[in-house]
Amino acid sequence: MFGYRRKLPEQRQCFENNGEAPVEIWIEMIPRRYILQPGDKMEVWADPPPTNEGFTTIFHADSIQVYAGWDCDPRVSINGVPAEDIAQTD
């Protein structure tokens, strides 16, 4: 059927900090900030927004941005434990 798109399944991304320095990870659109320490593993998952688009991930020199969309509530765990975002201190 023309114009029909199947609903995407739950979106899931995993990150592991194999480096020696902490990495900032921002989950957008309502910015939530997390710090991934060396050796930490982070998992981000959410139902796709009504626009039926998947996550968009942008890698910067010292941080990562994950755009999950406006109308979804991404869940985050670090090392298997639900994570709370860190208030911006700048």
Protein backbone atom coordinates (compact mmCIF):
# COMPACT_ATOMS: atom_id res chain seq x y z
CA MET A 1 0.00 0.00 0.00
CA PHE A 2 1.47 3.34 -1.03
CA GLY A 3 2.39 5.66 1.86
CA TYR A 4 2.15 2.97 4.52
CA ARG A 5 5.04 2.55 6.91
CA ARG A 6 5.14 -0.17 9.48
CA LYS A 7 5.57 1.06 13.05
CA LEU A 8 9.18 0.73 14.11
CA PRO A 9 9.95 -1.57 17.02
CA GLU A 10 11.37 -0.23 20.26
CA GLN A 11 14.61 1.62 19.54
CA ARG A 12 17.73 0.62 21.48
CA GLN A 13 21.31 1.87 21.47
CA CYS A 14 24.26 0.76 23.57
CA PHE A 15 27.46 2.64 24.33
CA GLU A 16 30.59 1.48 26.13
CA ASN A 17 33.38 3.78 27.27
CA ASN A 18 36.57 1.88 26.43
CA GLY A 19 38.69 5.00 26.80
CA GLU A 20 40.56 6.47 29.73
CA ALA A 21 38.45 9.62 30.20
CA PRO A 22 34.77 10.19 31.01
CA VAL A 23 32.40 10.82 28.08
CA GLU A 24 29.37 13.12 28.19
CA ILE A 25 26.22 11.73 26.61
CA TRP A 26 23.26 14.00 25.89
CA ILE A 27 19.82 12.50 25.28
CA GLU A 28 17.69 14.99 23.33
CA MET A 29 15.13 16.57 22.79
CA ILE A 30 14.60 17.43 26.42
CA PRO A 31 18.30 17.50 27.20
CA ARG A 32 19.38 14.94 29.73
CA ARG A 33 23.05 14.68 30.50
CA TYR A 34 24.90 11.57 31.61
CA ILE A 35 28.58 10.92 32.28
CA LEU A 36 29.94 7.59 31.15
CA GLN A 37 33.03 6.71 33.16
CA PRO A 38 35.78 4.47 31.72
CA GLY A 39 34.52 0.89 31.67
CA ASP A 40 30.83 1.91 31.96
CA LYS A 41 28.16 0.56 29.63
CA MET A 42 25.04 2.60 28.83
CA GLU A 43 21.83 1.45 27.20
CA VAL A 44 19.19 3.86 25.83
CA TRP A 45 15.81 2.63 24.66
CA ALA A 46 12.41 4.08 23.80
CA ASP A 47 9.32 3.47 21.73
CA PRO A 48 9.62 5.43 18.49
CA PRO A 49 7.86 8.81 18.39
CA PRO A 50 4.63 9.23 16.39
CA THR A 51 6.75 10.37 13.43
CA ASN A 52 8.01 6.75 13.35
CA GLU A 53 11.67 7.72 13.13
CA GLY A 54 14.56 5.98 14.81
CA PHE A 55 17.28 7.49 16.97
CA THR A 56 19.83 9.84 15.43
CA THR A 57 23.30 9.74 17.00
CA ILE A 58 25.97 12.40 16.56
CA PHE A 59 29.53 11.81 17.76
CA HIS A 60 31.53 14.87 18.85
CA ALA A 61 35.17 15.03 19.97
CA ASP A 62 34.31 14.73 23.67
CA SER A 63 30.59 13.90 23.77
CA ILE A 64 27.74 12.03 22.11
CA GLN A 65 24.25 13.35 21.32
CA VAL A 66 21.32 10.97 20.87
CA TYR A 67 18.18 12.48 19.35
CA ALA A 68 15.29 10.29 20.41
CA GLY A 69 12.51 12.68 19.37
CA TRP A 70 10.05 15.05 21.04
CA ASP A 71 7.25 12.64 21.80
CA CYS A 72 9.03 9.78 23.49
CA ASP A 73 10.49 9.22 26.91
CA PRO A 74 13.84 7.44 26.54
CA ARG A 75 14.95 5.19 29.37
CA VAL A 76 18.63 4.98 30.28
CA SER A 77 20.64 2.49 32.29
CA ILE A 78 24.33 2.50 33.16
CA ASN A 79 25.88 -0.84 34.03
CA GLY A 80 22.37 -2.34 34.18
CA VAL A 81 21.06 0.18 36.73
CA PRO A 82 18.44 2.83 35.83
CA ALA A 83 20.33 6.12 35.49
CA GLU A 84 19.31 9.60 36.57
CA ASP A 85 20.38 12.53 34.44
CA ILE A 86 22.91 14.97 35.86
CA ALA A 87 21.79 18.59 36.12
CA GLN A 88 23.91 20.87 33.95
CA THR A 89 26.44 22.64 36.16
CA ASP A 90 27.76 25.15 33.61
